[in-house]
PDB file of N, CA and C in Angstrom:
ATOM      1  N   MET A   1       0.811  -1.355  -0.142  1.00  0.00           N
ATOM      2  CA  MET A   1      -0.068   0.060   0.061  1.00  0.00           C
ATOM      3  C   MET A   1       0.654   1.270   0.021  1.00  0.00           C
ATOM      4  N   ALA A   2       2.016   0.979   0.172  1.00  0.00           N
ATOM      5  CA  ALA A   2       3.097   2.364   0.103  1.00  0.00           C
ATOM      6  C   ALA A   2       2.815   3.158  -1.020  1.00  0.00           C
ATOM      7  N   GLY A   3       2.584   4.335  -1.083  1.00  0.00           N
ATOM      8  CA  GLY A   3       2.456   5.203  -1.961  1.00  0.00           C
ATOM      9  C   GLY A   3       1.114   5.382  -2.337  1.00  0.00           C
ATOM     10  N   SER A   4       0.254   4.548  -1.818  1.00  0.00           N
ATOM     11  CA  SER A   4      -1.279   4.759  -2.510  1.00  0.00           C
ATOM     12  C   SER A   4      -1.916   5.713  -1.684  1.00  0.00           C
ATOM     13  N   ASP A   5      -2.995   6.041  -2.102  1.00  0.00           N
ATOM     14  CA  ASP A   5      -3.904   7.015  -1.489  1.00  0.00           C
ATOM     15  C   ASP A   5      -4.486   6.478  -0.238  1.00  0.00           C
ATOM     16  N   ARG A   6      -4.413   5.092  -0.034  1.00  0.00           N
ATOM     17  CA  ARG A   6      -5.253   4.429   1.174  1.00  0.00           C
ATOM     18  C   ARG A   6      -4.143   4.072   2.314  1.00  0.00           C
ATOM     19  N   ALA A   7      -2.788   4.478   1.912  1.00  0.00           N
ATOM     20  CA  ALA A   7      -1.758   4.074   2.904  1.00  0.00           C
ATOM     21  C   ALA A   7      -2.167   4.886   4.223  1.00  0.00           C
ATOM     22  N   GLY A   8      -2.460   6.076   4.339  1.00  0.00           N
ATOM     23  CA  GLY A   8      -2.632   6.909   5.418  1.00  0.00           C
ATOM     24  C   GLY A   8      -3.617   6.154   6.562  1.00  0.00           C
ATOM     25  N   LEU A   9      -4.613   5.521   5.772  1.00  0.00           N
ATOM     26  CA  LEU A   9      -5.537   4.698   6.677  1.00  0.00           C
ATOM     27  C   LEU A   9      -4.864   3.823   7.627  1.00  0.00           C
ATOM     28  N   PHE A  10      -3.896   3.151   7.312  1.00  0.00           N
ATOM     29  CA  PHE A  10      -3.262   1.971   8.028  1.00  0.00           C
ATOM     30  C   PHE A  10      -1.921   2.625   8.709  1.00  0.00           C
ATOM     31  N   GLU A  11      -1.669   3.538   8.352  1.00  0.00           N
ATOM     32  CA  GLU A  11      -0.475   4.242   9.220  1.00  0.00           C
ATOM     33  C   GLU A  11      -0.523   4.138  10.732  1.00  0.00           C
ATOM     34  N   PRO A  12      -1.735   4.314  11.344  1.00  0.00           N
ATOM     35  CA  PRO A  12      -1.521   3.994  12.829  1.00  0.00           C
ATOM     36  C   PRO A  12      -1.339   2.576  13.178  1.00  0.00           C
ATOM     37  N   ALA A  13      -1.846   1.719  12.630  1.00  0.00           N
ATOM     38  CA  ALA A  13      -1.561   0.314  12.866  1.00  0.00           C
ATOM     39  C   ALA A  13      -0.007   0.159  12.907  1.00  0.00           C
ATOM     40  N   LEU A  14       0.752   0.745  12.048  1.00  0.00           N
ATOM     41  CA  LEU A  14       2.251   0.438  12.055  1.00  0.00           C
ATOM     42  C   LEU A  14       2.899   1.108  13.075  1.00  0.00           C
ATOM     43  N   HIS A  15       2.296   1.808  14.140  1.00  0.00           N
ATOM     44  CA  HIS A  15       2.727   2.296  15.342  1.00  0.00           C
ATOM     45  C   HIS A  15       2.379   1.836  16.466  1.00  0.00           C
ATOM     46  N   ALA A  16       1.487   0.630  16.456  1.00  0.00           N
ATOM     47  CA  ALA A  16       0.874   0.136  17.609  1.00  0.00           C
ATOM     48  C   ALA A  16       1.967  -0.443  18.371  1.00  0.00           C
ATOM     49  N   GLU A  17       1.567  -0.791  19.649  1.00  0.00           N
ATOM     50  CA  GLU A  17       2.540  -1.226  20.694  1.00  0.00           C
ATOM     51  C   GLU A  17       3.021  -2.736  20.199  1.00  0.00           C
ATOM     52  N   GLN A  18       2.215  -3.437  19.560  1.00  0.00           N
ATOM     53  CA  GLN A  18       2.525  -4.750  19.028  1.00  0.00           C
ATOM     54  C   GLN A  18       1.579  -4.933  17.806  1.00  0.00           C
ATOM     55  N   LEU A  19       2.279  -5.421  16.714  1.00  0.00           N
ATOM     56  CA  LEU A  19       1.656  -5.749  15.319  1.00  0.00           C
ATOM     57  C   LEU A  19       2.128  -7.070  14.859  1.00  0.00           C
ATOM     58  N   PHE A  20       0.950  -7.940  14.920  1.00  0.00           N
ATOM     59  CA  PHE A  20       1.204  -9.524  14.574  1.00  0.00           C
ATOM     60  C   PHE A  20       0.947  -9.411  13.052  1.00  0.00           C
ATOM     61  N   ILE A  21       1.846 -10.265  12.486  1.00  0.00           N
ATOM     62  CA  ILE A  21       1.785 -10.581  11.113  1.00  0.00           C
ATOM     63  C   ILE A  21       1.270 -12.174  10.998  1.00  0.00           C
ATOM     64  N   PRO A  22       0.155 -12.577  10.818  1.00  0.00           N
ATOM     65  CA  PRO A  22      -0.147 -13.881  10.514  1.00  0.00           C
ATOM     66  C   PRO A  22       0.643 -14.587   9.402  1.00  0.00           C
ATOM     67  N   ALA A  23       0.933 -15.974   9.231  1.00  0.00           N
ATOM     68  CA  ALA A  23       1.673 -16.238   7.912  1.00  0.00           C
ATOM     69  C   ALA A  23       0.933 -16.237   6.742  1.00  0.00           C
ATOM     70  N   ILE A  24      -0.150 -16.276   6.600  1.00  0.00           N
ATOM     71  CA  ILE A  24      -1.136 -16.217   5.699  1.00  0.00           C
ATOM     72  C   ILE A  24      -1.167 -14.803   5.155  1.00  0.00           C
ATOM     73  N   VAL A  25      -1.085 -13.794   5.899  1.00  0.00           N
ATOM     74  CA  VAL A  25      -1.001 -12.392   5.445  1.00  0.00           C
ATOM     75  C   VAL A  25       0.444 -12.166   4.716  1.00  0.00           C
ATOM     76  N   ARG A  26       1.481 -12.749   5.138  1.00  0.00           N
ATOM     77  CA  ARG A  26       2.786 -12.619   4.682  1.00  0.00           C
ATOM     78  C   ARG A  26       2.790 -13.331   3.109  1.00  0.00           C
ATOM     79  N   TYR A  27       2.091 -14.326   3.132  1.00  0.00           N
ATOM     80  CA  TYR A  27       1.961 -15.149   1.902  1.00  0.00           C
ATOM     81  C   TYR A  27       1.173 -14.244   0.712  1.00  0.00           C
ATOM     82  N   GLU A  28       0.230 -13.612   1.458  1.00  0.00           N
ATOM     83  CA  GLU A  28      -0.628 -12.849   0.524  1.00  0.00           C
ATOM     84  C   GLU A  28      -0.119 -11.713  -0.091  1.00  0.00           C
ATOM     85  N   VAL A  29       0.519 -10.869   0.971  1.00  0.00           N
ATOM     86  CA  VAL A  29       1.478  -9.835   0.469  1.00  0.00           C
ATOM     87  C   VAL A  29       2.445 -10.217  -0.422  1.00  0.00           C
ATOM     88  N   GLY A  30       3.264 -11.298  -0.222  1.00  0.00           N
ATOM     89  CA  GLY A  30       4.264 -11.653  -0.969  1.00  0.00           C
ATOM     90  C   GLY A  30       3.948 -12.037  -2.161  1.00  0.00           C
ATOM     91  N   ARG A  31       2.848 -12.596  -2.601  1.00  0.00           N
ATOM     92  CA  ARG A  31       2.258 -13.125  -3.757  1.00  0.00           C
ATOM     93  C   ARG A  31       1.813 -11.853  -4.471  1.00  0.00           C
ATOM     94  N   TYR A  32       1.135 -10.865  -4.017  1.00  0.00           N
ATOM     95  CA  TYR A  32       0.640  -9.418  -4.563  1.00  0.00           C
ATOM     96  C   TYR A  32       1.937  -8.836  -4.821  1.00  0.00           C
ATOM     97  N   THR A  33       2.885  -8.623  -4.119  1.00  0.00           N
ATOM     98  CA  THR A  33       4.071  -7.711  -4.566  1.00  0.00           C
ATOM     99  C   THR A  33       4.827  -8.297  -5.534  1.00  0.00           C
ATOM    100  N   LEU A  34       5.237  -9.735  -5.514  1.00  0.00           N
ATOM    101  CA  LEU A  34       5.765 -10.297  -6.730  1.00  0.00           C
ATOM    102  C   LEU A  34       4.957 -10.121  -8.097  1.00  0.00           C
ATOM    103  N   THR A  35       3.752 -10.262  -7.939  1.00  0.00           N
ATOM    104  CA  THR A  35       2.873 -10.140  -9.000  1.00  0.00           C
ATOM    105  C   THR A  35       2.898  -8.652  -9.745  1.00  0.00           C
ATOM    106  N   TYR A  36       2.739  -7.605  -8.858  1.00  0.00           N
ATOM    107  CA  TYR A  36       2.252  -6.383  -9.105  1.00  0.00           C
ATOM    108  C   TYR A  36       3.673  -5.238  -8.996  1.00  0.00           C
ATOM    109  N   ARG A  37       4.647  -5.774  -8.272  1.00  0.00           N
ATOM    110  CA  ARG A  37       5.614  -4.851  -7.824  1.00  0.00           C
ATOM    111  C   ARG A  37       7.019  -5.626  -8.073  1.00  0.00           C
ATOM    112  N   GLY A  38       7.000  -6.690  -8.554  1.00  0.00           N
ATOM    113  CA  GLY A  38       8.396  -7.261  -9.048  1.00  0.00           C
ATOM    114  C   GLY A  38       9.210  -7.680  -7.693  1.00  0.00           C
ATOM    115  N   GLU A  39      10.284  -8.272  -7.968  1.00  0.00           N
ATOM    116  CA  GLU A  39      11.064  -8.851  -6.967  1.00  0.00           C
ATOM    117  C   GLU A  39      11.745  -7.762  -5.948  1.00  0.00           C
ATOM    118  N   ASP A  40      12.004  -6.577  -6.482  1.00  0.00           N
ATOM    119  CA  ASP A  40      12.350  -5.307  -5.591  1.00  0.00           C
ATOM    120  C   ASP A  40      11.281  -5.047  -4.601  1.00  0.00           C
ATOM    121  N   GLY A  41       9.946  -4.823  -5.042  1.00  0.00           N
ATOM    122  CA  GLY A  41       8.663  -4.580  -4.364  1.00  0.00           C
ATOM    123  C   GLY A  41       8.474  -5.762  -3.194  1.00  0.00           C
ATOM    124  N   HIS A  42       8.826  -7.038  -3.521  1.00  0.00           N
ATOM    125  CA  HIS A  42       8.564  -8.131  -2.951  1.00  0.00           C
ATOM    126  C   HIS A  42       9.562  -8.055  -1.696  1.00  0.00           C
ATOM    127  N   GLU A  43      10.860  -7.774  -2.012  1.00  0.00           N
ATOM    128  CA  GLU A  43      11.946  -7.837  -0.930  1.00  0.00           C
ATOM    129  C   GLU A  43      11.577  -6.582   0.154  1.00  0.00           C
ATOM    130  N   MET A  44      11.189  -5.515  -0.395  1.00  0.00           N
ATOM    131  CA  MET A  44      11.096  -4.364   0.360  1.00  0.00           C
ATOM    132  C   MET A  44       9.604  -4.740   1.344  1.00  0.00           C
ATOM    133  N   ALA A  45       8.681  -5.297   0.752  1.00  0.00           N
ATOM    134  CA  ALA A  45       7.513  -5.706   1.513  1.00  0.00           C
ATOM    135  C   ALA A  45       7.921  -6.711   2.612  1.00  0.00           C
ATOM    136  N   VAL A  46       8.788  -7.663   2.279  1.00  0.00           N
ATOM    137  CA  VAL A  46       9.272  -8.950   3.295  1.00  0.00           C
ATOM    138  C   VAL A  46       9.787  -8.253   4.418  1.00  0.00           C
ATOM    139  N   CYS A  47      10.777  -7.167   4.134  1.00  0.00           N
ATOM    140  CA  CYS A  47      11.771  -6.443   4.907  1.00  0.00           C
ATOM    141  C   CYS A  47      10.624  -5.899   5.993  1.00  0.00           C
ATOM    142  N   VAL A  48       9.912  -5.140   5.464  1.00  0.00           N
ATOM    143  CA  VAL A  48       8.735  -4.340   6.368  1.00  0.00           C
ATOM    144  C   VAL A  48       8.242  -5.225   7.258  1.00  0.00           C
ATOM    145  N   LEU A  49       7.460  -6.232   6.844  1.00  0.00           N
ATOM    146  CA  LEU A  49       6.815  -7.296   7.307  1.00  0.00           C
ATOM    147  C   LEU A  49       7.496  -7.942   8.552  1.00  0.00           C
ATOM    148  N   SER A  50       8.932  -8.276   8.354  1.00  0.00           N
ATOM    149  CA  SER A  50       9.758  -8.973   9.190  1.00  0.00           C
ATOM    150  C   SER A  50      10.043  -8.244  10.337  1.00  0.00           C
ATOM    151  N   LYS A  51       9.729  -6.842  10.413  1.00  0.00           N
ATOM    152  CA  LYS A  51      10.083  -6.047  11.599  1.00  0.00           C
ATOM    153  C   LYS A  51       8.999  -6.234  12.657  1.00  0.00           C
ATOM    154  N   PHE A  52       7.887  -6.966  12.526  1.00  0.00           N
ATOM    155  CA  PHE A  52       6.834  -7.301  13.159  1.00  0.00           C
ATOM    156  C   PHE A  52       6.680  -8.678  13.644  1.00  0.00           C
ATOM    157  N   GLU A  53       6.068  -8.870  14.934  1.00  0.00           N
ATOM    158  CA  GLU A  53       5.883 -10.349  15.120  1.00  0.00           C
ATOM    159  C   GLU A  53       5.268 -11.224  14.441  1.00  0.00           C
ATOM    160  N   GLN A  54       5.619 -12.308  13.953  1.00  0.00           N
ATOM    161  CA  GLN A  54       5.315 -13.238  12.937  1.00  0.00           C
ATOM    162  C   GLN A  54       4.282 -14.357  13.696  1.00  0.00           C
ATOM    163  N   MET A  55       3.153 -14.801  13.110  1.00  0.00           N
ATOM    164  CA  MET A  55       2.198 -15.572  13.816  1.00  0.00           C
ATOM    165  C   MET A  55       2.370 -17.039  12.792  1.00  0.00           C
ATOM    166  N   PRO A  56       2.817 -18.022  13.191  1.00  0.00           N
ATOM    167  CA  PRO A  56       2.563 -19.225  12.302  1.00  0.00           C
ATOM    168  C   PRO A  56       1.075 -19.701  12.413  1.00  0.00           C
ATOM    169  N   VAL A  57       0.571 -20.448  11.399  1.00  0.00           N
ATOM    170  CA  VAL A  57      -0.465 -21.238  11.498  1.00  0.00           C
ATOM    171  C   VAL A  57      -0.152 -22.432  12.482  1.00  0.00           C
ATOM    172  N   ASP A  58      -0.834 -22.522  13.616  1.00  0.00           N
ATOM    173  CA  ASP A  58      -0.590 -23.771  14.317  1.00  0.00           C
ATOM    174  C   ASP A  58      -1.970 -24.673  14.241  1.00  0.00           C
ATOM    175  N   ASP A  59      -2.004 -25.665  15.309  1.00  0.00           N
ATOM    176  CA  ASP A  59      -3.168 -26.426  15.392  1.00  0.00           C
ATOM    177  C   ASP A  59      -4.398 -25.692  16.083  1.00  0.00           C
ATOM    178  N   ILE A  60      -4.000 -24.791  16.970  1.00  0.00           N
ATOM    179  CA  ILE A  60      -5.140 -24.008  17.721  1.00  0.00           C
ATOM    180  C   ILE A  60      -5.879 -22.977  16.683  1.00  0.00           C
ATOM    181  N   ILE A  61      -4.867 -22.153  15.951  1.00  0.00           N
ATOM    182  CA  ILE A  61      -5.385 -21.325  14.812  1.00  0.00           C
ATOM    183  C   ILE A  61      -6.323 -22.119  13.776  1.00  0.00           C
ATOM    184  N   ALA A  62      -5.679 -23.292  13.489  1.00  0.00           N
ATOM    185  CA  ALA A  62      -6.400 -23.959  12.310  1.00  0.00           C
ATOM    186  C   ALA A  62      -7.878 -24.535  12.677  1.00  0.00           C
ATOM    187  N   ASP A  63      -7.694 -24.891  13.945  1.00  0.00           N
ATOM    188  CA  ASP A  63      -9.140 -25.561  14.371  1.00  0.00           C
ATOM    189  C   ASP A  63      -9.833 -24.312  14.471  1.00  0.00           C
ATOM    190  N   ALA A  64      -9.758 -23.221  15.096  1.00  0.00           N
ATOM    191  CA  ALA A  64     -10.436 -21.880  15.319  1.00  0.00           C
ATOM    192  C   ALA A  64     -10.909 -21.509  13.756  1.00  0.00           C
ATOM    193  N   ALA A  65     -10.070 -21.399  12.970  1.00  0.00           N
ATOM    194  CA  ALA A  65     -10.352 -21.036  11.733  1.00  0.00           C
ATOM    195  C   ALA A  65     -11.369 -22.027  10.989  1.00  0.00           C
ATOM    196  N   ALA A  66     -11.283 -23.192  11.193  1.00  0.00           N
ATOM    197  CA  ALA A  66     -12.537 -24.062  10.579  1.00  0.00           C
ATOM    198  C   ALA A  66     -13.839 -23.751  11.085  1.00  0.00           C
ATOM    199  N   LYS A  67     -14.057 -23.523  12.432  1.00  0.00           N
ATOM    200  CA  LYS A  67     -15.146 -23.040  13.102  1.00  0.00           C
ATOM    201  C   LYS A  67     -15.740 -21.703  12.593  1.00  0.00           C
ATOM    202  N   ILE A  68     -14.667 -20.712  12.402  1.00  0.00           N
ATOM    203  CA  ILE A  68     -15.028 -19.513  11.926  1.00  0.00           C
ATOM    204  C   ILE A  68     -15.464 -19.433  10.545  1.00  0.00           C
ATOM    205  N   ALA A  69     -14.846 -20.338   9.644  1.00  0.00           N
ATOM    206  CA  ALA A  69     -15.380 -20.486   8.431  1.00  0.00           C
ATOM    207  C   ALA A  69     -16.591 -20.720   8.210  1.00  0.00           C
ATOM    208  N   CYS A  70     -16.918 -21.882   9.070  1.00  0.00           N
ATOM    209  CA  CYS A  70     -18.363 -22.297   8.781  1.00  0.00           C
ATOM    210  C   CYS A  70     -19.347 -21.211   9.280  1.00  0.00           C
ATOM    211  N   GLN A  71     -19.085 -20.797  10.619  1.00  0.00           N
ATOM    212  CA  GLN A  71     -19.860 -19.714  11.300  1.00  0.00           C
ATOM    213  C   GLN A  71     -20.231 -18.370  10.342  1.00  0.00           C
ATOM    214  N   HIS A  72     -19.134 -18.009   9.745  1.00  0.00           N
ATOM    215  CA  HIS A  72     -19.228 -16.655   9.046  1.00  0.00           C
ATOM    216  C   HIS A  72     -19.136 -16.790   7.677  1.00  0.00           C
ATOM    217  N   LYS A  73     -19.081 -17.905   7.173  1.00  0.00           N
ATOM    218  CA  LYS A  73     -19.013 -18.215   5.559  1.00  0.00           C
ATOM    219  C   LYS A  73     -17.958 -17.638   5.105  1.00  0.00           C
ATOM    220  N   LEU A  74     -16.474 -17.730   5.785  1.00  0.00           N
ATOM    221  CA  LEU A  74     -15.365 -17.244   5.189  1.00  0.00           C
ATOM    222  C   LEU A  74     -14.648 -18.089   4.427  1.00  0.00           C
ATOM    223  N   ALA A  75     -13.882 -17.921   3.499  1.00  0.00           N
ATOM    224  CA  ALA A  75     -12.915 -18.840   2.772  1.00  0.00           C
ATOM    225  C   ALA A  75     -11.786 -19.056   3.554  1.00  0.00           C
ATOM    226  N   MET A  76     -10.823 -20.067   3.450  1.00  0.00           N
ATOM    227  CA  MET A  76      -9.938 -20.425   4.203  1.00  0.00           C
ATOM    228  C   MET A  76      -9.039 -19.350   4.719  1.00  0.00           C
ATOM    229  N   ALA A  77      -8.218 -18.583   3.721  1.00  0.00           N
ATOM    230  CA  ALA A  77      -7.455 -17.521   3.878  1.00  0.00           C
ATOM    231  C   ALA A  77      -7.936 -16.597   5.036  1.00  0.00           C
ATOM    232  N   ASP A  78      -9.162 -16.212   4.691  1.00  0.00           N
ATOM    233  CA  ASP A  78      -9.853 -15.134   5.501  1.00  0.00           C
ATOM    234  C   ASP A  78     -10.085 -15.644   6.913  1.00  0.00           C
ATOM    235  N   ALA A  79     -10.469 -16.900   7.067  1.00  0.00           N
ATOM    236  CA  ALA A  79     -10.809 -17.587   8.287  1.00  0.00           C
ATOM    237  C   ALA A  79      -9.496 -17.673   9.220  1.00  0.00           C
ATOM    238  N   LEU A  80      -8.400 -17.964   8.464  1.00  0.00           N
ATOM    239  CA  LEU A  80      -7.099 -18.099   9.091  1.00  0.00           C
ATOM    240  C   LEU A  80      -6.508 -16.813   9.532  1.00  0.00           C
ATOM    241  N   VAL A  81      -6.831 -15.522   8.814  1.00  0.00           N
ATOM    242  CA  VAL A  81      -6.431 -14.184   9.279  1.00  0.00           C
ATOM    243  C   VAL A  81      -7.233 -13.872  10.576  1.00  0.00           C
ATOM    244  N   TYR A  82      -8.546 -14.166  10.526  1.00  0.00           N
ATOM    245  CA  TYR A  82      -9.512 -13.704  11.414  1.00  0.00           C
ATOM    246  C   TYR A  82      -9.260 -14.436  12.740  1.00  0.00           C
ATOM    247  N   ALA A  83      -9.089 -15.805  12.720  1.00  0.00           N
ATOM    248  CA  ALA A  83      -8.850 -16.556  13.725  1.00  0.00           C
ATOM    249  C   ALA A  83      -7.480 -16.215  14.349  1.00  0.00           C
ATOM    250  N   SER A  84      -6.267 -15.934  13.575  1.00  0.00           N
ATOM    251  CA  SER A  84      -5.103 -15.267  14.127  1.00  0.00           C
ATOM    252  C   SER A  84      -5.287 -14.014  15.049  1.00  0.00           C
ATOM    253  N   SER A  85      -5.979 -13.208  14.432  1.00  0.00           N
ATOM    254  CA  SER A  85      -6.373 -11.891  15.349  1.00  0.00           C
ATOM    255  C   SER A  85      -7.206 -12.011  16.516  1.00  0.00           C
ATOM    256  N   LEU A  86      -8.150 -13.100  16.501  1.00  0.00           N
ATOM    257  CA  LEU A  86      -8.900 -13.250  17.737  1.00  0.00           C
ATOM    258  C   LEU A  86      -8.043 -13.843  18.746  1.00  0.00           C
ATOM    259  N   SER A  87      -7.020 -14.682  18.423  1.00  0.00           N
ATOM    260  CA  SER A  87      -6.171 -15.434  19.325  1.00  0.00           C
ATOM    261  C   SER A  87      -5.411 -14.652  20.080  1.00  0.00           C
ATOM    262  N   VAL A  88      -5.076 -13.404  19.532  1.00  0.00           N
ATOM    263  CA  VAL A  88      -4.164 -12.427  20.411  1.00  0.00           C
ATOM    264  C   VAL A  88      -4.885 -11.246  20.890  1.00  0.00           C
ATOM    265  N   GLU A  89      -6.418 -11.203  20.671  1.00  0.00           N
ATOM    266  CA  GLU A  89      -7.399 -10.267  21.077  1.00  0.00           C
ATOM    267  C   GLU A  89      -7.095  -8.948  20.565  1.00  0.00           C
ATOM    268  N   GLY A  90      -6.684  -9.040  19.226  1.00  0.00           N
ATOM    269  CA  GLY A  90      -6.179  -7.871  18.347  1.00  0.00           C
ATOM    270  C   GLY A  90      -7.385  -7.434  17.453  1.00  0.00           C
ATOM    271  N   ASP A  91      -7.008  -6.124  17.051  1.00  0.00           N
ATOM    272  CA  ASP A  91      -8.017  -5.560  15.946  1.00  0.00           C
ATOM    273  C   ASP A  91      -7.531  -6.092  14.619  1.00  0.00           C
ATOM    274  N   LEU A  92      -8.226  -6.211  13.682  1.00  0.00           N
ATOM    275  CA  LEU A  92      -8.046  -6.668  12.381  1.00  0.00           C
ATOM    276  C   LEU A  92      -8.224  -5.621  11.437  1.00  0.00           C
ATOM    277  N   TRP A  93      -7.133  -4.875  10.811  1.00  0.00           N
ATOM    278  CA  TRP A  93      -7.484  -3.834  10.150  1.00  0.00           C
ATOM    279  C   TRP A  93      -7.553  -4.445   8.756  1.00  0.00           C
ATOM    280  N   THR A  94      -8.673  -3.929   7.979  1.00  0.00           N
ATOM    281  CA  THR A  94      -8.724  -4.327   6.817  1.00  0.00           C
ATOM    282  C   THR A  94      -9.728  -3.543   5.736  1.00  0.00           C
ATOM    283  N   GLN A  95      -9.523  -3.713   4.490  1.00  0.00           N
ATOM    284  CA  GLN A  95     -10.376  -3.345   3.433  1.00  0.00           C
ATOM    285  C   GLN A  95     -11.472  -4.431   2.722  1.00  0.00           C
ATOM    286  N   ASP A  96     -11.173  -5.583   3.520  1.00  0.00           N
ATOM    287  CA  ASP A  96     -11.889  -6.711   2.656  1.00  0.00           C
ATOM    288  C   ASP A  96     -13.494  -6.905   3.427  1.00  0.00           C
ATOM    289  N   ARG A  97     -14.032  -6.468   2.539  1.00  0.00           N
ATOM    290  CA  ARG A  97     -15.697  -6.558   2.711  1.00  0.00           C
ATOM    291  C   ARG A  97     -16.175  -7.839   3.393  1.00  0.00           C
ATOM    292  N   HIS A  98     -15.206  -8.963   3.371  1.00  0.00           N
ATOM    293  CA  HIS A  98     -15.789 -10.170   4.079  1.00  0.00           C
ATOM    294  C   HIS A  98     -15.570  -9.937   5.554  1.00  0.00           C
ATOM    295  N   PHE A  99     -15.098  -9.079   6.191  1.00  0.00           N
ATOM    296  CA  PHE A  99     -14.854  -8.967   7.393  1.00  0.00           C
ATOM    297  C   PHE A  99     -15.638  -7.842   8.082  1.00  0.00           C
ATOM    298  N   GLU A 100     -16.456  -6.965   7.174  1.00  0.00           N
ATOM    299  CA  GLU A 100     -17.098  -5.801   7.527  1.00  0.00           C
ATOM    300  C   GLU A 100     -17.735  -5.844   8.974  1.00  0.00           C
ATOM    301  N   ALA A 101     -18.640  -6.715   9.084  1.00  0.00           N
ATOM    302  CA  ALA A 101     -19.599  -6.750  10.244  1.00  0.00           C
ATOM    303  C   ALA A 101     -19.095  -7.711  11.410  1.00  0.00           C
ATOM    304  N   LEU A 102     -17.766  -8.028  11.383  1.00  0.00           N
ATOM    305  CA  LEU A 102     -17.387  -8.905  12.366  1.00  0.00           C
ATOM    306  C   LEU A 102     -16.708  -8.241  13.690  1.00  0.00           C
ATOM    307  N   PRO A 103     -16.963  -8.783  14.737  1.00  0.00           N
ATOM    308  CA  PRO A 103     -16.270  -8.031  15.903  1.00  0.00           C
ATOM    309  C   PRO A 103     -14.848  -8.112  16.069  1.00  0.00           C
ATOM    310  N   GLY A 104     -14.070  -6.973  16.606  1.00  0.00           N
ATOM    311  CA  GLY A 104     -12.713  -6.771  16.402  1.00  0.00           C
ATOM    312  C   GLY A 104     -12.053  -6.322  15.073  1.00  0.00           C
ATOM    313  N   VAL A 105     -12.914  -5.916  14.326  1.00  0.00           N
ATOM    314  CA  VAL A 105     -12.650  -5.513  12.742  1.00  0.00           C
ATOM    315  C   VAL A 105     -12.526  -4.077  12.588  1.00  0.00           C
ATOM    316  N   ARG A 106     -11.510  -3.491  12.120  1.00  0.00           N
ATOM    317  CA  ARG A 106     -11.450  -2.298  11.659  1.00  0.00           C
ATOM    318  C   ARG A 106     -11.675  -2.012  10.278  1.00  0.00           C
ATOM    319  N   PHE A 107     -12.854  -1.766   9.582  1.00  0.00           N
ATOM    320  CA  PHE A 107     -13.021  -1.966   8.273  1.00  0.00           C
ATOM    321  C   PHE A 107     -12.914  -0.423   7.600  1.00  0.00           C
ATOM    322  N   PHE A 108     -12.197  -0.421   6.326  1.00  0.00           N
ATOM    323  CA  PHE A 108     -12.129   0.717   5.623  1.00  0.00           C
ATOM    324  C   PHE A 108     -12.643   0.232   3.999  1.00  0.00           C
ATOM    325  N   PRO A 109     -13.913   0.782   3.941  1.00  0.00           N
ATOM    326  CA  PRO A 109     -14.394   0.484   2.640  1.00  0.00           C
ATOM    327  C   PRO A 109     -13.871   1.237   1.621  1.00  0.00           C
ATOM    328  N   LYS A 110     -13.385   0.436   0.409  1.00  0.00           N
ATOM    329  CA  LYS A 110     -12.710   0.725  -0.827  1.00  0.00           C
ATOM    330  C   LYS A 110     -13.601   1.695  -1.417  1.00  0.00           C
ATOM    331  N   ALA A 111     -12.869   2.829  -1.922  1.00  0.00           N
ATOM    332  CA  ALA A 111     -13.574   3.971  -2.495  1.00  0.00           C
ATOM    333  C   ALA A 111     -13.924   3.714  -3.940  1.00  0.00           C
TER     334      ALA A 111
END
């Protein structure tokens, strides 16, 4: 999001006391940056993400995500992201409409 007109919406999250990066988010950012920003953009994104606490997908997250997916009709990746956020009692900051009405979500609609 660096350089986009939406980057400012997420700037406060970068200054949070703790910022957790679920493994699935690292994958999604990596895939996006490789596709649209090339290898240099990917390396920059991975460098930034590496500054924050990484969250692996473990059995607890996977089990919670399965229940969340069924309850909220979320796809696998979205359920894993949401389960990760709930596991640390954090706020999920997103522009993804799938999360809009869920508790613990800071939703920013796309213009």
